[in-house]
Amino acid sequence: MPIMLTSEDVDDAFDDEAFMEERFSDVQRLLLGDGPAPGPETLVLLPATRCRLTVGPHTSGPFGSCFAVRLDPGSDLPAARVELLLADDGALLGLVDAGTLDGWRSAIPSGLAARYLAPPAPSRLGLFGTGEPAWSCLLVLHHALPSLSEVRVVGREPDRARDFAAAAALRTGLRVRMSEDAHATAACADVVAATGGHPPVRPEWLAAGALLIDQDAAAAAVPAARSVAGVLLLDQSAPAAPRAADRAVRHVSLAAPVGRPDARPESLPLAEIVAGRALPRRSGSDIVHYQGGELAGWGAIAAAAGLGHAWRRDVGIPVRLGRDSP
């Protein structure tokens, strides 16, 4: 019987140390090109419902080869969802809340990137955003960077940021507090994670050697960051420090930014660092700006792995299909 995973179910399935390590390995394998190349995604538009359907490539699932189908909102679909189907007969295996899955799909590669790009033994995390992407990013970084001990949360709405911080402290055991000073939060952090729901962080705010994890990289570049060609983060704010234009910023992307309007020719693919062919910094004071993005095949793997793990842990709501189903 198919299962349906709510937002809470997706969090429960993904927030598992062994499961995260397996997903880090999946992302690393895709980056290095180990194994067969994943097939392309196919976009299908349904004019009658104004629904957009994206069919992913085949991947291994809990009951054999399967594929994920993403349905984005239309007139008959109020919220996006992902369905997992068997490849041989199209049987439905499960349904997942797409918003929460998207958060984890972005966070897992960011966690792997943080292990390669963060400064030594980072202890302070500045988290910008209070939505589902921020929550999954926090949980992944808590696992990926065990030296983290303090988190400051900055959001558009102070009350929501305060509630987020309280819930995060209970979930992680870290010292988590809300901050209304975005500038100070970025300036004292070893790692800054910028997720959706908050204005971009200014380059001149960060300390030398810090890491920006930019999960909003697909958004339009910020013209105010003129000195670094519109990038979203990184630099030191001490009065005697050089201007942002004089600071070394190392741009690293999850995938080669081909065809993107904000693509930078100097951006280094994360795969080059993972493979040992490049260093994340030329010197210890370099600031690394990591840009997230889409990694071919990863979305299907994440959906199949999450549903399979939930199935094994008896997480989710059984869905009865047929004439009597709701």
Protein backbone atom coordinates (compact mmCIF):
# COMPACT_ATOMS: atom_id res chain seq x y z
CA MET A 1 0.00 0.00 0.00
CA PRO A 2 1.40 3.46 -0.87
CA ILE A 3 2.32 5.84 1.93
CA MET A 4 1.99 9.60 2.22
CA LEU A 5 4.67 11.60 4.01
CA THR A 6 3.77 14.89 5.67
CA SER A 7 6.34 17.61 6.35
CA GLU A 8 7.00 16.12 9.79
CA ASP A 9 7.37 12.63 8.31
CA VAL A 10 9.95 13.86 5.80
CA ASP A 11 11.93 15.52 8.59
CA ASP A 12 11.81 12.33 10.67
CA ALA A 13 13.00 10.23 7.73
CA PHE A 14 15.89 12.49 6.74
CA ASP A 15 17.07 13.55 10.21
CA ASP A 16 18.99 10.34 10.81
CA GLU A 17 22.79 10.27 10.98
CA ALA A 18 23.31 7.02 9.07
CA PHE A 19 20.78 8.08 6.43
CA MET A 20 22.49 11.46 5.96
CA GLU A 21 25.88 9.81 5.52
CA GLU A 22 24.43 7.57 2.83
CA ARG A 23 22.99 10.61 1.06
CA PHE A 24 26.32 12.45 1.31
CA SER A 25 27.82 9.44 -0.46
CA ASP A 26 25.11 9.63 -3.14
CA VAL A 27 25.89 13.29 -3.83
CA GLN A 28 29.63 12.63 -3.87
CA ARG A 29 29.15 9.76 -6.31
CA LEU A 30 27.14 12.01 -8.63
CA LEU A 31 29.75 14.76 -8.41
CA LEU A 32 32.58 12.39 -9.27
CA GLY A 33 30.64 10.63 -12.03
CA ASP A 34 30.90 7.20 -10.42
CA GLY A 35 28.41 4.80 -11.95
CA PRO A 36 26.08 5.33 -14.89
CA ALA A 37 25.09 8.88 -15.73
CA PRO A 38 21.54 9.75 -14.63
CA GLY A 39 18.97 10.29 -17.34
CA PRO A 40 17.37 13.65 -18.04
CA GLU A 41 14.24 15.07 -16.46
CA THR A 42 11.20 15.49 -18.69
CA LEU A 43 8.89 18.47 -18.29
CA VAL A 44 5.22 18.00 -19.18
CA LEU A 45 2.72 20.87 -19.17
CA LEU A 46 -0.95 20.11 -18.56
CA PRO A 47 -2.83 23.11 -20.02
CA ALA A 48 -6.25 22.03 -18.76
CA THR A 49 -5.16 22.26 -15.12
CA ARG A 50 -2.19 24.62 -15.52
CA CYS A 51 -0.21 21.99 -13.65
CA ARG A 52 3.45 21.37 -14.43
CA LEU A 53 4.65 17.80 -14.20
CA THR A 54 8.34 16.85 -14.11
CA VAL A 55 9.29 13.20 -14.65
CA GLY A 56 12.66 12.27 -13.20
CA PRO A 57 15.12 9.58 -14.34
CA HIS A 58 14.96 5.99 -13.14
CA THR A 59 16.72 5.21 -9.87
CA SER A 60 16.87 2.41 -7.31
CA GLY A 61 13.98 2.41 -4.87
CA PRO A 62 12.54 0.34 -2.02
CA PHE A 63 10.95 -2.18 -4.42
CA GLY A 64 13.20 -1.96 -7.45
CA SER A 65 13.70 0.56 -10.21
CA CYS A 66 11.42 3.57 -9.84
CA PHE A 67 11.09 7.19 -10.86
CA ALA A 68 9.85 10.38 -9.23
CA VAL A 69 7.18 12.67 -10.65
CA ARG A 70 6.89 16.21 -9.35
CA LEU A 71 3.55 17.98 -9.67
CA ASP A 72 3.73 21.73 -9.22
CA PRO A 73 0.61 23.68 -8.24
CA GLY A 74 -2.21 24.28 -10.70
CA SER A 75 -5.92 24.92 -10.48
CA ASP A 76 -6.54 21.37 -9.22
CA LEU A 77 -3.42 21.12 -7.04
CA PRO A 78 -3.03 23.63 -4.19
CA ALA A 79 0.48 22.53 -3.16
CA ALA A 80 3.38 20.84 -4.90
CA ARG A 81 3.98 17.16 -4.27
CA VAL A 82 6.31 14.41 -5.41
CA GLU A 83 5.07 10.93 -6.29
CA LEU A 84 7.29 7.86 -6.49
CA LEU A 85 6.24 5.17 -9.00
CA LEU A 86 7.59 1.77 -9.99
CA ALA A 87 9.35 1.84 -13.33
CA ASP A 88 7.90 -1.41 -14.69
CA ASP A 89 4.17 -0.78 -14.20
CA GLY A 90 3.82 2.77 -12.86
CA ALA A 91 2.39 1.60 -9.52
CA LEU A 92 2.31 4.35 -6.91
CA LEU A 93 4.71 3.79 -4.00
CA GLY A 94 4.29 7.03 -2.11
CA LEU A 95 3.54 10.74 -2.03
CA VAL A 96 5.76 13.36 -0.43
CA ASP A 97 5.29 17.00 0.49
CA ALA A 98 7.45 18.69 -2.14
CA GLY A 99 8.28 21.80 -0.12
CA THR A 100 9.91 19.90 2.73
CA LEU A 101 11.61 17.48 0.34
CA ASP A 102 13.05 20.45 -1.57
CA GLY A 103 14.58 21.73 1.65
CA TRP A 104 16.39 18.46 2.30
CA ARG A 105 17.29 18.09 -1.38
CA SER A 106 19.16 21.41 -1.14
CA ALA A 107 20.53 20.85 2.36
CA ILE A 108 22.26 17.50 1.81
CA PRO A 109 24.63 18.79 -0.92
CA SER A 110 25.24 21.87 1.24
CA GLY A 111 26.26 19.65 4.13
CA LEU A 112 28.74 17.76 1.97
CA ALA A 113 30.07 21.06 0.61
CA ALA A 114 30.50 22.40 4.15
CA ARG A 115 32.80 19.51 5.02
CA TYR A 116 35.12 20.49 2.20
CA LEU A 117 34.78 24.28 2.33
CA ALA A 118 34.28 25.33 5.96
CA PRO A 119 37.19 26.77 7.96
CA PRO A 120 38.82 24.41 10.49
CA ALA A 121 36.59 23.46 13.45
CA PRO A 122 33.81 25.99 12.85
CA SER A 123 31.79 26.71 15.98
CA ARG A 124 29.42 29.57 15.05
CA LEU A 125 26.67 29.34 12.45
CA GLY A 126 24.70 32.30 11.17
CA LEU A 127 21.40 31.08 9.74
CA PHE A 128 19.40 33.45 7.57
CA GLY A 129 15.80 32.36 7.08
CA THR A 130 13.17 30.58 9.18
CA GLY A 131 11.33 28.44 6.64
CA GLU A 132 11.57 24.76 5.77
CA PRO A 133 14.87 25.20 3.85
CA ALA A 134 16.42 26.81 6.94
CA TRP A 135 15.24 23.98 9.20
CA SER A 136 16.62 21.18 7.04
CA CYS A 137 19.84 23.14 6.44
CA LEU A 138 20.36 23.52 10.19
CA LEU A 139 19.83 19.82 10.89
CA VAL A 140 22.19 18.78 8.09
CA LEU A 141 24.93 21.21 9.15
CA HIS A 142 24.56 20.10 12.77
CA HIS A 143 25.50 16.62 11.59
CA ALA A 144 28.04 17.58 8.93
CA LEU A 145 29.95 19.99 11.20
CA PRO A 146 30.03 18.42 14.69
CA SER A 147 32.16 21.28 16.07
CA LEU A 148 29.22 23.70 15.78
CA SER A 149 28.10 24.92 19.19
CA GLU A 150 26.26 28.20 18.63
CA VAL A 151 23.63 29.28 16.12
CA ARG A 152 22.16 32.72 15.54
CA VAL A 153 18.95 32.90 13.54
CA VAL A 154 17.95 35.95 11.52
CA GLY A 155 14.52 36.20 9.93
CA ARG A 156 12.14 38.75 8.51
CA GLU A 157 9.73 38.30 11.44
CA PRO A 158 11.37 38.43 14.91
CA ASP A 159 8.60 36.41 16.58
CA ARG A 160 8.88 33.63 14.04
CA ALA A 161 12.68 33.67 14.30
CA ARG A 162 12.39 33.42 18.08
CA ASP A 163 10.08 30.40 17.82
CA PHE A 164 12.39 28.83 15.25
CA ALA A 165 15.39 29.30 17.56
CA ALA A 166 13.57 27.72 20.50
CA ALA A 167 12.53 24.69 18.44
CA ALA A 168 16.04 24.37 16.98
CA ALA A 169 17.64 24.40 20.43
CA LEU A 170 15.35 21.59 21.57
CA ARG A 171 15.99 19.53 18.44
CA THR A 172 19.78 19.94 18.25
CA GLY A 173 20.94 20.66 21.80
CA LEU A 174 22.97 23.62 20.49
CA ARG A 175 22.89 27.16 21.84
CA VAL A 176 20.44 28.77 19.43
CA ARG A 177 19.15 32.30 19.72
CA MET A 178 17.36 34.81 17.59
CA SER A 179 19.26 37.85 16.36
CA GLU A 180 17.82 41.07 14.95
CA ASP A 181 21.26 42.29 13.88
CA ALA A 182 21.99 40.66 10.54
CA HIS A 183 25.29 42.51 10.21
CA ALA A 184 26.65 41.34 13.57
CA THR A 185 25.40 37.79 13.01
CA ALA A 186 27.27 37.47 9.72
CA ALA A 187 30.38 39.18 11.09
CA CYS A 188 30.90 36.74 13.95
CA ALA A 189 29.99 33.51 12.13
CA ASP A 190 32.40 30.90 10.82
CA VAL A 191 29.70 29.61 8.49
CA VAL A 192 26.72 31.54 7.16
CA ALA A 193 23.79 29.75 5.53
CA ALA A 194 21.49 31.92 3.43
CA THR A 195 18.17 30.23 2.74
CA GLY A 196 14.95 31.59 1.31
CA GLY A 197 12.87 34.14 3.14
CA HIS A 198 15.51 36.72 3.99
CA PRO A 199 17.30 39.46 2.05
CA PRO A 200 20.81 38.56 0.85
CA VAL A 201 23.75 39.09 3.18
CA ARG A 202 26.15 41.87 2.20
CA PRO A 203 29.69 40.84 1.20
CA GLU A 204 31.39 43.28 3.57
CA TRP A 205 29.72 41.77 6.63
CA LEU A 206 31.68 38.50 6.90
CA ALA A 207 35.00 37.71 8.53
CA ALA A 208 38.01 36.53 6.57
CA GLY A 209 38.10 32.78 6.03
CA ALA A 210 34.35 32.33 6.49
CA LEU A 211 32.07 30.21 4.34
CA LEU A 212 28.79 31.26 2.76
CA ILE A 213 26.38 28.48 1.92
CA ASP A 214 24.07 30.17 -0.54
CA GLN A 215 20.95 28.07 -1.09
CA ASP A 216 19.28 30.99 -2.82
CA ALA A 217 21.86 31.07 -5.60
CA ALA A 218 19.31 30.74 -8.37
CA ALA A 219 17.74 34.06 -7.39
CA ALA A 220 18.70 37.23 -9.18
CA ALA A 221 22.06 38.71 -8.31
CA VAL A 222 22.07 41.66 -5.95
CA PRO A 223 23.28 44.82 -7.72
CA ALA A 224 24.35 46.44 -4.45
CA ALA A 225 27.18 43.89 -4.15
CA ARG A 226 28.96 45.62 -7.05
CA SER A 227 32.46 44.96 -5.76
CA VAL A 228 32.07 41.19 -6.11
CA ALA A 229 29.92 41.12 -9.25
CA GLY A 230 26.65 40.67 -7.41
CA VAL A 231 27.58 37.71 -5.19
CA LEU A 232 25.58 37.27 -2.05
CA LEU A 233 28.08 37.11 0.76
CA LEU A 234 31.46 37.36 2.39
CA ASP A 235 33.88 39.75 4.14
CA GLN A 236 35.23 41.36 7.26
CA SER A 237 33.64 44.34 8.98
CA ALA A 238 36.44 45.57 11.25
CA PRO A 239 37.16 49.27 10.65
CA ALA A 240 40.74 48.67 9.56
CA ALA A 241 39.87 45.80 7.23
CA PRO A 242 40.21 46.23 3.45
CA ARG A 243 37.11 46.96 1.42
CA ALA A 244 35.13 44.02 0.01
CA ALA A 245 36.62 44.70 -3.41
CA ASP A 246 40.09 44.02 -1.99
CA ARG A 247 39.16 40.76 -0.29
CA ALA A 248 39.72 37.41 -1.96
CA VAL A 249 36.45 35.59 -2.63
CA ARG A 250 36.52 32.02 -3.91
CA HIS A 251 33.36 31.06 -5.80
CA VAL A 252 32.37 27.39 -5.74
CA SER A 253 29.23 25.94 -7.32
CA LEU A 254 27.49 22.60 -6.88
CA ALA A 255 27.40 22.14 -10.64
CA ALA A 256 28.97 23.98 -13.54
CA PRO A 257 26.75 27.07 -13.97
CA VAL A 258 26.14 26.61 -17.68
CA GLY A 259 23.46 28.79 -19.21
CA ARG A 260 22.56 30.64 -16.02
CA PRO A 261 22.21 34.42 -16.22
CA ASP A 262 24.25 34.89 -13.04
CA ALA A 263 26.94 32.39 -14.02
CA ARG A 264 30.55 33.33 -13.33
CA PRO A 265 33.31 31.92 -15.51
CA GLU A 266 35.63 31.85 -12.47
CA SER A 267 33.22 29.68 -10.44
CA LEU A 268 34.86 26.38 -9.49
CA PRO A 269 32.71 23.22 -9.56
CA LEU A 270 32.58 21.50 -6.18
CA ALA A 271 33.54 18.25 -7.91
CA GLU A 272 37.05 19.61 -8.55
CA ILE A 273 37.58 20.04 -4.80
CA VAL A 274 35.94 16.74 -3.87
CA ALA A 275 38.18 14.94 -6.39
CA GLY A 276 41.30 16.61 -4.96
CA ARG A 277 42.09 18.51 -8.15
CA ALA A 278 41.66 21.95 -6.56
CA LEU A 279 41.85 23.62 -3.16
CA PRO A 280 38.92 25.55 -1.69
CA ARG A 281 41.17 28.49 -0.73
CA ARG A 282 44.37 29.98 -2.04
CA SER A 283 45.06 31.32 1.46
CA GLY A 284 43.43 30.90 4.85
CA SER A 285 41.85 34.34 4.70
CA ASP A 286 39.93 33.64 1.50
CA ILE A 287 36.17 33.69 1.83
CA VAL A 288 34.40 30.84 0.08
CA HIS A 289 31.03 31.49 -1.53
CA TYR A 290 29.29 28.19 -2.25
CA GLN A 291 26.31 28.34 -4.59
CA GLY A 292 23.75 25.56 -4.48
CA GLY A 293 21.90 24.42 -7.56
CA GLU A 294 20.51 21.41 -9.36
CA LEU A 295 22.57 18.22 -9.53
CA ALA A 296 21.40 15.83 -12.26
CA GLY A 297 19.79 12.73 -10.81
CA TRP A 298 19.90 13.87 -7.19
CA GLY A 299 16.21 14.79 -6.90
CA ALA A 300 15.06 11.30 -7.88
CA ILE A 301 17.58 9.66 -5.55
CA ALA A 302 16.52 11.85 -2.63
CA ALA A 303 12.83 11.10 -3.14
CA ALA A 304 13.36 7.34 -3.49
CA ALA A 305 15.75 7.14 -0.55
CA GLY A 306 13.50 9.21 1.70
CA LEU A 307 10.40 7.15 0.95
CA GLY A 308 12.32 3.89 1.30
CA HIS A 309 13.74 4.93 4.67
CA ALA A 310 10.32 6.05 5.87
CA TRP A 311 8.84 2.73 4.75
CA ARG A 312 11.43 0.73 6.69
CA ARG A 313 10.86 2.87 9.80
CA ASP A 314 7.08 2.62 9.51
CA VAL A 315 6.78 6.39 9.09
CA GLY A 316 3.95 7.88 7.06
CA ILE A 317 0.24 7.46 6.46
CA PRO A 318 -1.02 4.50 4.38
CA VAL A 319 -2.96 5.63 1.32
CA ARG A 320 -5.79 3.39 0.14
CA LEU A 321 -6.35 3.65 -3.60
CA GLY A 322 -9.53 2.69 -5.38
CA ARG A 323 -13.22 3.48 -5.48
CA ASP A 324 -13.52 4.06 -1.73
CA SER A 325 -10.40 6.22 -1.39
CA PRO A 326 -10.89 9.89 -0.47
